[in-house]
Amino acid sequence: MDDPRLTSHWLIPLREAHCESTARIGGKGLALARLMAYGIPVPEGFCITTEAFSTFVDSGGLRERILLELHRKPFEAMRWEEIWDVALRIRHLFL
């Protein structure tokens, strides 16, 4: 993590993330960063940017496999068990 380009594009320390957008670090990351900025005790950490996530998903071919799982059948036609199975299969792609 010595490369400042990597840190600024992919990882943002929580202490520096309170001015970021949810589009860049997500709602949970932004909420934790704002709590920390207000002085509420939050463990040290960092946010992984959406750019980093997209790079990871694209570099391993995961995006196509996720889309395949999501488009097997319209969600409106799925029972909850089928949606659960799709979610598990996508989770396993990441593992």
PDB file of N, CA and C in Angstrom:
ATOM      1  N   MET A   1       0.809  -1.190   0.000  1.00  0.00           N
ATOM      2  CA  MET A   1       0.000   0.000   0.000  1.00  0.00           C
ATOM      3  C   MET A   1       0.855   1.258   0.000  1.00  0.00           C
ATOM      4  N   ASP A   2       2.088   1.157  -0.415  1.00  0.00           N
ATOM      5  CA  ASP A   2       2.970   2.308  -0.451  1.00  0.00           C
ATOM      6  C   ASP A   2       2.676   3.227  -1.628  1.00  0.00           C
ATOM      7  N   ASP A   3       2.002   2.729  -2.629  1.00  0.00           N
ATOM      8  CA  ASP A   3       1.691   3.509  -3.820  1.00  0.00           C
ATOM      9  C   ASP A   3       0.515   4.438  -3.515  1.00  0.00           C
ATOM     10  N   PRO A   4       0.726   5.780  -3.506  1.00  0.00           N
ATOM     11  CA  PRO A   4      -0.369   6.698  -3.174  1.00  0.00           C
ATOM     12  C   PRO A   4      -1.521   6.641  -4.185  1.00  0.00           C
ATOM     13  N   ARG A   5      -1.237   6.253  -5.431  1.00  0.00           N
ATOM     14  CA  ARG A   5      -2.321   6.132  -6.416  1.00  0.00           C
ATOM     15  C   ARG A   5      -3.264   5.013  -6.025  1.00  0.00           C
ATOM     16  N   LEU A   6      -2.712   3.912  -5.533  1.00  0.00           N
ATOM     17  CA  LEU A   6      -3.535   2.785  -5.104  1.00  0.00           C
ATOM     18  C   LEU A   6      -4.407   3.203  -3.924  1.00  0.00           C
ATOM     19  N   THR A   7      -3.806   3.878  -2.960  1.00  0.00           N
ATOM     20  CA  THR A   7      -4.551   4.287  -1.775  1.00  0.00           C
ATOM     21  C   THR A   7      -5.674   5.245  -2.143  1.00  0.00           C
ATOM     22  N   SER A   8      -5.407   6.214  -2.982  1.00  0.00           N
ATOM     23  CA  SER A   8      -6.433   7.212  -3.287  1.00  0.00           C
ATOM     24  C   SER A   8      -7.523   6.675  -4.205  1.00  0.00           C
ATOM     25  N   HIS A   9      -7.236   5.676  -5.015  1.00  0.00           N
ATOM     26  CA  HIS A   9      -8.241   5.147  -5.934  1.00  0.00           C
ATOM     27  C   HIS A   9      -8.983   3.947  -5.371  1.00  0.00           C
ATOM     28  N   TRP A  10      -8.327   3.143  -4.580  1.00  0.00           N
ATOM     29  CA  TRP A  10      -8.933   1.892  -4.139  1.00  0.00           C
ATOM     30  C   TRP A  10      -9.238   1.833  -2.656  1.00  0.00           C
ATOM     31  N   LEU A  11      -8.424   2.468  -1.840  1.00  0.00           N
ATOM     32  CA  LEU A  11      -8.617   2.433  -0.394  1.00  0.00           C
ATOM     33  C   LEU A  11      -8.628   3.852   0.159  1.00  0.00           C
ATOM     34  N   ILE A  12      -9.601   4.131   1.014  1.00  0.00           N
ATOM     35  CA  ILE A  12      -9.677   5.441   1.646  1.00  0.00           C
ATOM     36  C   ILE A  12      -9.820   5.213   3.152  1.00  0.00           C
ATOM     37  N   PRO A  13      -8.869   5.714   3.948  1.00  0.00           N
ATOM     38  CA  PRO A  13      -8.995   5.562   5.402  1.00  0.00           C
ATOM     39  C   PRO A  13     -10.289   6.207   5.897  1.00  0.00           C
ATOM     40  N   LEU A  14     -10.928   5.597   6.883  1.00  0.00           N
ATOM     41  CA  LEU A  14     -12.179   6.141   7.412  1.00  0.00           C
ATOM     42  C   LEU A  14     -12.018   7.591   7.863  1.00  0.00           C
ATOM     43  N   ARG A  15     -10.873   7.916   8.440  1.00  0.00           N
ATOM     44  CA  ARG A  15     -10.645   9.287   8.922  1.00  0.00           C
ATOM     45  C   ARG A  15     -10.713  10.311   7.801  1.00  0.00           C
ATOM     46  N   GLU A  16     -10.489   9.878   6.567  1.00  0.00           N
ATOM     47  CA  GLU A  16     -10.487  10.801   5.428  1.00  0.00           C
ATOM     48  C   GLU A  16     -11.722  10.659   4.547  1.00  0.00           C
ATOM     49  N   ALA A  17     -12.606   9.770   4.885  1.00  0.00           N
ATOM     50  CA  ALA A  17     -13.706   9.421   3.983  1.00  0.00           C
ATOM     51  C   ALA A  17     -14.996  10.189   4.226  1.00  0.00           C
ATOM     52  N   HIS A  18     -15.060  11.025   5.258  1.00  0.00           N
ATOM     53  CA  HIS A  18     -16.329  11.669   5.601  1.00  0.00           C
ATOM     54  C   HIS A  18     -16.849  12.638   4.534  1.00  0.00           C
ATOM     55  N   CYS A  19     -16.005  13.080   3.618  1.00  0.00           N
ATOM     56  CA  CYS A  19     -16.436  13.991   2.551  1.00  0.00           C
ATOM     57  C   CYS A  19     -16.677  13.268   1.223  1.00  0.00           C
ATOM     58  N   GLU A  20     -16.511  11.957   1.205  1.00  0.00           N
ATOM     59  CA  GLU A  20     -16.711  11.176  -0.014  1.00  0.00           C
ATOM     60  C   GLU A  20     -18.206  11.016  -0.299  1.00  0.00           C
ATOM     61  N   SER A  21     -18.523  10.487  -1.461  1.00  0.00           N
ATOM     62  CA  SER A  21     -19.926  10.248  -1.828  1.00  0.00           C
ATOM     63  C   SER A  21     -20.269   8.775  -1.632  1.00  0.00           C
ATOM     64  N   THR A  22     -21.552   8.515  -1.480  1.00  0.00           N
ATOM     65  CA  THR A  22     -21.972   7.120  -1.359  1.00  0.00           C
ATOM     66  C   THR A  22     -21.690   6.372  -2.662  1.00  0.00           C
ATOM     67  N   ALA A  23     -21.674   7.074  -3.771  1.00  0.00           N
ATOM     68  CA  ALA A  23     -21.379   6.426  -5.052  1.00  0.00           C
ATOM     69  C   ALA A  23     -19.944   5.912  -5.083  1.00  0.00           C
ATOM     70  N   ARG A  24     -19.078   6.498  -4.286  1.00  0.00           N
ATOM     71  CA  ARG A  24     -17.669   6.093  -4.303  1.00  0.00           C
ATOM     72  C   ARG A  24     -17.325   5.089  -3.209  1.00  0.00           C
ATOM     73  N   ILE A  25     -17.929   5.217  -2.010  1.00  0.00           N
ATOM     74  CA  ILE A  25     -17.551   4.326  -0.910  1.00  0.00           C
ATOM     75  C   ILE A  25     -18.736   3.583  -0.297  1.00  0.00           C
ATOM     76  N   GLY A  26     -19.930   3.840  -0.769  1.00  0.00           N
ATOM     77  CA  GLY A  26     -21.097   3.153  -0.229  1.00  0.00           C
ATOM     78  C   GLY A  26     -21.636   3.810   1.023  1.00  0.00           C
ATOM     79  N   GLY A  27     -22.870   3.495   1.331  1.00  0.00           N
ATOM     80  CA  GLY A  27     -23.546   4.117   2.455  1.00  0.00           C
ATOM     81  C   GLY A  27     -22.980   3.737   3.807  1.00  0.00           C
ATOM     82  N   LYS A  28     -22.612   2.475   3.985  1.00  0.00           N
ATOM     83  CA  LYS A  28     -22.077   2.033   5.273  1.00  0.00           C
ATOM     84  C   LYS A  28     -20.730   2.686   5.548  1.00  0.00           C
ATOM     85  N   GLY A  29     -19.874   2.731   4.536  1.00  0.00           N
ATOM     86  CA  GLY A  29     -18.567   3.359   4.712  1.00  0.00           C
ATOM     87  C   GLY A  29     -18.694   4.838   5.039  1.00  0.00           C
ATOM     88  N   LEU A  30     -19.592   5.513   4.331  1.00  0.00           N
ATOM     89  CA  LEU A  30     -19.794   6.939   4.571  1.00  0.00           C
ATOM     90  C   LEU A  30     -20.368   7.175   5.966  1.00  0.00           C
ATOM     91  N   ALA A  31     -21.311   6.347   6.382  1.00  0.00           N
ATOM     92  CA  ALA A  31     -21.895   6.500   7.718  1.00  0.00           C
ATOM     93  C   ALA A  31     -20.837   6.315   8.805  1.00  0.00           C
ATOM     94  N   LEU A  32     -19.995   5.291   8.670  1.00  0.00           N
ATOM     95  CA  LEU A  32     -18.929   5.071   9.654  1.00  0.00           C
ATOM     96  C   LEU A  32     -17.943   6.234   9.670  1.00  0.00           C
ATOM     97  N   ALA A  33     -17.602   6.751   8.491  1.00  0.00           N
ATOM     98  CA  ALA A  33     -16.664   7.868   8.405  1.00  0.00           C
ATOM     99  C   ALA A  33     -17.249   9.117   9.056  1.00  0.00           C
ATOM    100  N   ARG A  34     -18.518   9.363   8.855  1.00  0.00           N
ATOM    101  CA  ARG A  34     -19.149  10.539   9.463  1.00  0.00           C
ATOM    102  C   ARG A  34     -19.260  10.391  10.976  1.00  0.00           C
ATOM    103  N   LEU A  35     -19.574   9.189  11.447  1.00  0.00           N
ATOM    104  CA  LEU A  35     -19.594   8.961  12.891  1.00  0.00           C
ATOM    105  C   LEU A  35     -18.231   9.264  13.490  1.00  0.00           C
ATOM    106  N   MET A  36     -17.172   8.795  12.822  1.00  0.00           N
ATOM    107  CA  MET A  36     -15.809   9.027  13.297  1.00  0.00           C
ATOM    108  C   MET A  36     -15.506  10.526  13.294  1.00  0.00           C
ATOM    109  N   ALA A  37     -15.939  11.230  12.246  1.00  0.00           N
ATOM    110  CA  ALA A  37     -15.693  12.666  12.149  1.00  0.00           C
ATOM    111  C   ALA A  37     -16.408  13.438  13.255  1.00  0.00           C
ATOM    112  N   TYR A  38     -17.546  12.938  13.715  1.00  0.00           N
ATOM    113  CA  TYR A  38     -18.282  13.572  14.822  1.00  0.00           C
ATOM    114  C   TYR A  38     -17.728  13.189  16.190  1.00  0.00           C
ATOM    115  N   GLY A  39     -16.691  12.371  16.219  1.00  0.00           N
ATOM    116  CA  GLY A  39     -16.059  12.014  17.469  1.00  0.00           C
ATOM    117  C   GLY A  39     -16.627  10.779  18.139  1.00  0.00           C
ATOM    118  N   ILE A  40     -17.509  10.094  17.473  1.00  0.00           N
ATOM    119  CA  ILE A  40     -18.066   8.861  18.018  1.00  0.00           C
ATOM    120  C   ILE A  40     -17.037   7.759  17.822  1.00  0.00           C
ATOM    121  N   PRO A  41     -16.773   6.960  18.858  1.00  0.00           N
ATOM    122  CA  PRO A  41     -15.744   5.918  18.740  1.00  0.00           C
ATOM    123  C   PRO A  41     -16.097   4.884  17.653  1.00  0.00           C
ATOM    124  N   VAL A  42     -15.237   4.800  16.676  1.00  0.00           N
ATOM    125  CA  VAL A  42     -15.362   3.831  15.579  1.00  0.00           C
ATOM    126  C   VAL A  42     -13.978   3.222  15.390  1.00  0.00           C
ATOM    127  N   PRO A  43     -13.877   1.899  15.284  1.00  0.00           N
ATOM    128  CA  PRO A  43     -12.561   1.300  15.059  1.00  0.00           C
ATOM    129  C   PRO A  43     -11.913   1.833  13.786  1.00  0.00           C
ATOM    130  N   GLU A  44     -10.605   1.954  13.832  1.00  0.00           N
ATOM    131  CA  GLU A  44      -9.863   2.375  12.636  1.00  0.00           C
ATOM    132  C   GLU A  44     -10.170   1.407  11.497  1.00  0.00           C
ATOM    133  N   GLY A  45     -10.228   1.931  10.306  1.00  0.00           N
ATOM    134  CA  GLY A  45     -10.504   1.078   9.157  1.00  0.00           C
ATOM    135  C   GLY A  45     -10.358   1.859   7.878  1.00  0.00           C
ATOM    136  N   PHE A  46     -10.828   1.266   6.809  1.00  0.00           N
ATOM    137  CA  PHE A  46     -10.747   1.914   5.503  1.00  0.00           C
ATOM    138  C   PHE A  46     -11.941   1.484   4.671  1.00  0.00           C
ATOM    139  N   CYS A  47     -12.192   2.238   3.634  1.00  0.00           N
ATOM    140  CA  CYS A  47     -13.258   1.922   2.688  1.00  0.00           C
ATOM    141  C   CYS A  47     -12.616   1.446   1.388  1.00  0.00           C
ATOM    142  N   ILE A  48     -13.162   0.402   0.848  1.00  0.00           N
ATOM    143  CA  ILE A  48     -12.753  -0.056  -0.475  1.00  0.00           C
ATOM    144  C   ILE A  48     -13.684   0.640  -1.457  1.00  0.00           C
ATOM    145  N   THR A  49     -13.117   1.347  -2.407  1.00  0.00           N
ATOM    146  CA  THR A  49     -13.941   2.141  -3.314  1.00  0.00           C
ATOM    147  C   THR A  49     -14.697   1.262  -4.318  1.00  0.00           C
ATOM    148  N   THR A  50     -15.729   1.842  -4.876  1.00  0.00           N
ATOM    149  CA  THR A  50     -16.486   1.134  -5.905  1.00  0.00           C
ATOM    150  C   THR A  50     -15.617   0.884  -7.130  1.00  0.00           C
ATOM    151  N   GLU A  51     -14.646   1.759  -7.360  1.00  0.00           N
ATOM    152  CA  GLU A  51     -13.697   1.550  -8.469  1.00  0.00           C
ATOM    153  C   GLU A  51     -12.884   0.278  -8.243  1.00  0.00           C
ATOM    154  N   ALA A  52     -12.441   0.061  -7.016  1.00  0.00           N
ATOM    155  CA  ALA A  52     -11.686  -1.152  -6.699  1.00  0.00           C
ATOM    156  C   ALA A  52     -12.555  -2.386  -6.883  1.00  0.00           C
ATOM    157  N   PHE A  53     -13.793  -2.306  -6.411  1.00  0.00           N
ATOM    158  CA  PHE A  53     -14.711  -3.429  -6.550  1.00  0.00           C
ATOM    159  C   PHE A  53     -14.948  -3.744  -8.031  1.00  0.00           C
ATOM    160  N   SER A  54     -15.205  -2.723  -8.825  1.00  0.00           N
ATOM    161  CA  SER A  54     -15.430  -2.931 -10.264  1.00  0.00           C
ATOM    162  C   SER A  54     -14.214  -3.532 -10.949  1.00  0.00           C
ATOM    163  N   THR A  55     -13.032  -3.057 -10.585  1.00  0.00           N
ATOM    164  CA  THR A  55     -11.801  -3.602 -11.160  1.00  0.00           C
ATOM    165  C   THR A  55     -11.658  -5.077 -10.818  1.00  0.00           C
ATOM    166  N   PHE A  56     -11.942  -5.428  -9.567  1.00  0.00           N
ATOM    167  CA  PHE A  56     -11.858  -6.825  -9.137  1.00  0.00           C
ATOM    168  C   PHE A  56     -12.864  -7.694  -9.896  1.00  0.00           C
ATOM    169  N   VAL A  57     -14.095  -7.239  -9.977  1.00  0.00           N
ATOM    170  CA  VAL A  57     -15.153  -8.011 -10.637  1.00  0.00           C
ATOM    171  C   VAL A  57     -14.847  -8.188 -12.126  1.00  0.00           C
ATOM    172  N   ASP A  58     -14.334  -7.150 -12.754  1.00  0.00           N
ATOM    173  CA  ASP A  58     -14.028  -7.228 -14.189  1.00  0.00           C
ATOM    174  C   ASP A  58     -12.777  -8.057 -14.475  1.00  0.00           C
ATOM    175  N   SER A  59     -11.765  -7.964 -13.614  1.00  0.00           N
ATOM    176  CA  SER A  59     -10.499  -8.639 -13.899  1.00  0.00           C
ATOM    177  C   SER A  59     -10.611 -10.158 -13.828  1.00  0.00           C
ATOM    178  N   GLY A  60     -11.508 -10.674 -13.026  1.00  0.00           N
ATOM    179  CA  GLY A  60     -11.637 -12.119 -12.894  1.00  0.00           C
ATOM    180  C   GLY A  60     -12.784 -12.718 -13.677  1.00  0.00           C
ATOM    181  N   GLY A  61     -13.442 -11.898 -14.496  1.00  0.00           N
ATOM    182  CA  GLY A  61     -14.571 -12.397 -15.266  1.00  0.00           C
ATOM    183  C   GLY A  61     -15.824 -12.634 -14.429  1.00  0.00           C
ATOM    184  N   LEU A  62     -15.833 -12.083 -13.220  1.00  0.00           N
ATOM    185  CA  LEU A  62     -16.987 -12.297 -12.345  1.00  0.00           C
ATOM    186  C   LEU A  62     -18.243 -11.572 -12.830  1.00  0.00           C
ATOM    187  N   ARG A  63     -18.074 -10.403 -13.426  1.00  0.00           N
ATOM    188  CA  ARG A  63     -19.249  -9.624 -13.839  1.00  0.00           C
ATOM    189  C   ARG A  63     -20.151 -10.434 -14.771  1.00  0.00           C
ATOM    190  N   GLU A  64     -19.564 -11.093 -15.758  1.00  0.00           N
ATOM    191  CA  GLU A  64     -20.364 -11.886 -16.695  1.00  0.00           C
ATOM    192  C   GLU A  64     -21.063 -13.043 -15.989  1.00  0.00           C
ATOM    193  N   ARG A  65     -20.353 -13.683 -15.072  1.00  0.00           N
ATOM    194  CA  ARG A  65     -20.933 -14.827 -14.355  1.00  0.00           C
ATOM    195  C   ARG A  65     -22.056 -14.381 -13.422  1.00  0.00           C
ATOM    196  N   ILE A  66     -21.893 -13.211 -12.799  1.00  0.00           N
ATOM    197  CA  ILE A  66     -22.947 -12.669 -11.934  1.00  0.00           C
ATOM    198  C   ILE A  66     -24.177 -12.345 -12.772  1.00  0.00           C
ATOM    199  N   LEU A  67     -23.961 -11.688 -13.903  1.00  0.00           N
ATOM    200  CA  LEU A  67     -25.084 -11.338 -14.778  1.00  0.00           C
ATOM    201  C   LEU A  67     -25.798 -12.584 -15.288  1.00  0.00           C
ATOM    202  N   LEU A  68     -25.047 -13.631 -15.574  1.00  0.00           N
ATOM    203  CA  LEU A  68     -25.657 -14.887 -16.001  1.00  0.00           C
ATOM    204  C   LEU A  68     -26.590 -15.410 -14.905  1.00  0.00           C
ATOM    205  N   GLU A  69     -26.122 -15.402 -13.664  1.00  0.00           N
ATOM    206  CA  GLU A  69     -26.958 -15.860 -12.550  1.00  0.00           C
ATOM    207  C   GLU A  69     -28.202 -14.993 -12.393  1.00  0.00           C
ATOM    208  N   LEU A  70     -28.025 -13.686 -12.536  1.00  0.00           N
ATOM    209  CA  LEU A  70     -29.148 -12.770 -12.328  1.00  0.00           C
ATOM    210  C   LEU A  70     -30.185 -12.820 -13.437  1.00  0.00           C
ATOM    211  N   HIS A  71     -29.794 -13.290 -14.609  1.00  0.00           N
ATOM    212  CA  HIS A  71     -30.725 -13.296 -15.743  1.00  0.00           C
ATOM    213  C   HIS A  71     -31.219 -14.684 -16.130  1.00  0.00           C
ATOM    214  N   ARG A  72     -31.014 -15.665 -15.287  1.00  0.00           N
ATOM    215  CA  ARG A  72     -31.514 -17.017 -15.577  1.00  0.00           C
ATOM    216  C   ARG A  72     -33.036 -17.038 -15.703  1.00  0.00           C
ATOM    217  N   LYS A  73     -33.676 -16.227 -14.880  1.00  0.00           N
ATOM    218  CA  LYS A  73     -35.130 -16.201 -14.816  1.00  0.00           C
ATOM    219  C   LYS A  73     -35.532 -14.838 -14.259  1.00  0.00           C
ATOM    220  N   PRO A  74     -36.642 -14.258 -14.720  1.00  0.00           N
ATOM    221  CA  PRO A  74     -37.063 -12.961 -14.160  1.00  0.00           C
ATOM    222  C   PRO A  74     -37.336 -13.079 -12.657  1.00  0.00           C
ATOM    223  N   PHE A  75     -36.923 -12.068 -11.902  1.00  0.00           N
ATOM    224  CA  PHE A  75     -37.133 -12.105 -10.460  1.00  0.00           C
ATOM    225  C   PHE A  75     -38.605 -12.248 -10.095  1.00  0.00           C
ATOM    226  N   GLU A  76     -39.470 -11.620 -10.888  1.00  0.00           N
ATOM    227  CA  GLU A  76     -40.902 -11.685 -10.607  1.00  0.00           C
ATOM    228  C   GLU A  76     -41.424 -13.122 -10.665  1.00  0.00           C
ATOM    229  N   ALA A  77     -40.739 -13.969 -11.419  1.00  0.00           N
ATOM    230  CA  ALA A  77     -41.185 -15.351 -11.587  1.00  0.00           C
ATOM    231  C   ALA A  77     -40.526 -16.301 -10.579  1.00  0.00           C
ATOM    232  N   MET A  78     -39.638 -15.781  -9.741  1.00  0.00           N
ATOM    233  CA  MET A  78     -38.908 -16.628  -8.794  1.00  0.00           C
ATOM    234  C   MET A  78     -39.613 -16.712  -7.447  1.00  0.00           C
ATOM    235  N   ARG A  79     -39.514 -17.892  -6.866  1.00  0.00           N
ATOM    236  CA  ARG A  79     -39.902 -18.061  -5.467  1.00  0.00           C
ATOM    237  C   ARG A  79     -38.731 -17.587  -4.618  1.00  0.00           C
ATOM    238  N   TRP A  80     -38.966 -17.355  -3.334  1.00  0.00           N
ATOM    239  CA  TRP A  80     -37.893 -16.846  -2.486  1.00  0.00           C
ATOM    240  C   TRP A  80     -36.742 -17.836  -2.399  1.00  0.00           C
ATOM    241  N   GLU A  81     -37.047 -19.127  -2.484  1.00  0.00           N
ATOM    242  CA  GLU A  81     -35.984 -20.131  -2.414  1.00  0.00           C
ATOM    243  C   GLU A  81     -35.044 -20.031  -3.617  1.00  0.00           C
ATOM    244  N   GLU A  82     -35.617 -19.717  -4.774  1.00  0.00           N
ATOM    245  CA  GLU A  82     -34.795 -19.565  -5.980  1.00  0.00           C
ATOM    246  C   GLU A  82     -33.906 -18.329  -5.875  1.00  0.00           C
ATOM    247  N   ILE A  83     -34.461 -17.246  -5.335  1.00  0.00           N
ATOM    248  CA  ILE A  83     -33.663 -16.029  -5.150  1.00  0.00           C
ATOM    249  C   ILE A  83     -32.529 -16.310  -4.167  1.00  0.00           C
ATOM    250  N   TRP A  84     -32.832 -17.056  -3.119  1.00  0.00           N
ATOM    251  CA  TRP A  84     -31.814 -17.440  -2.128  1.00  0.00           C
ATOM    252  C   TRP A  84     -30.700 -18.235  -2.807  1.00  0.00           C
ATOM    253  N   ASP A  85     -31.068 -19.178  -3.649  1.00  0.00           N
ATOM    254  CA  ASP A  85     -30.076 -19.998  -4.357  1.00  0.00           C
ATOM    255  C   ASP A  85     -29.194 -19.154  -5.273  1.00  0.00           C
ATOM    256  N   VAL A  86     -29.803 -18.204  -5.973  1.00  0.00           N
ATOM    257  CA  VAL A  86     -29.025 -17.308  -6.840  1.00  0.00           C
ATOM    258  C   VAL A  86     -28.017 -16.527  -5.996  1.00  0.00           C
ATOM    259  N   ALA A  87     -28.485 -15.996  -4.871  1.00  0.00           N
ATOM    260  CA  ALA A  87     -27.595 -15.234  -3.990  1.00  0.00           C
ATOM    261  C   ALA A  87     -26.440 -16.094  -3.489  1.00  0.00           C
ATOM    262  N   LEU A  88     -26.715 -17.338  -3.132  1.00  0.00           N
ATOM    263  CA  LEU A  88     -25.654 -18.240  -2.677  1.00  0.00           C
ATOM    264  C   LEU A  88     -24.650 -18.536  -3.788  1.00  0.00           C
ATOM    265  N   ARG A  89     -25.154 -18.762  -4.994  1.00  0.00           N
ATOM    266  CA  ARG A  89     -24.232 -19.035  -6.110  1.00  0.00           C
ATOM    267  C   ARG A  89     -23.331 -17.832  -6.384  1.00  0.00           C
ATOM    268  N   ILE A  90     -23.895 -16.624  -6.310  1.00  0.00           N
ATOM    269  CA  ILE A  90     -23.082 -15.421  -6.523  1.00  0.00           C
ATOM    270  C   ILE A  90     -22.062 -15.280  -5.395  1.00  0.00           C
ATOM    271  N   ARG A  91     -22.481 -15.545  -4.184  1.00  0.00           N
ATOM    272  CA  ARG A  91     -21.553 -15.487  -3.046  1.00  0.00           C
ATOM    273  C   ARG A  91     -20.393 -16.440  -3.257  1.00  0.00           C
ATOM    274  N   HIS A  92     -20.681 -17.633  -3.723  1.00  0.00           N
ATOM    275  CA  HIS A  92     -19.619 -18.616  -3.954  1.00  0.00           C
ATOM    276  C   HIS A  92     -18.674 -18.190  -5.058  1.00  0.00           C
ATOM    277  N   LEU A  93     -19.149 -17.410  -6.020  1.00  0.00           N
ATOM    278  CA  LEU A  93     -18.253 -16.891  -7.061  1.00  0.00           C
ATOM    279  C   LEU A  93     -17.149 -16.037  -6.426  1.00  0.00           C
ATOM    280  N   PHE A  94     -17.507 -15.269  -5.410  1.00  0.00           N
ATOM    281  CA  PHE A  94     -16.533 -14.423  -4.746  1.00  0.00           C
ATOM    282  C   PHE A  94     -15.588 -15.211  -3.861  1.00  0.00           C
ATOM    283  N   LEU A  95     -16.093 -16.290  -3.283  1.00  0.00           N
ATOM    284  CA  LEU A  95     -15.243 -17.098  -2.411  1.00  0.00           C
ATOM    285  C   LEU A  95     -14.256 -17.896  -3.231  1.00  0.00           C
TER     286      LEU A  95
END
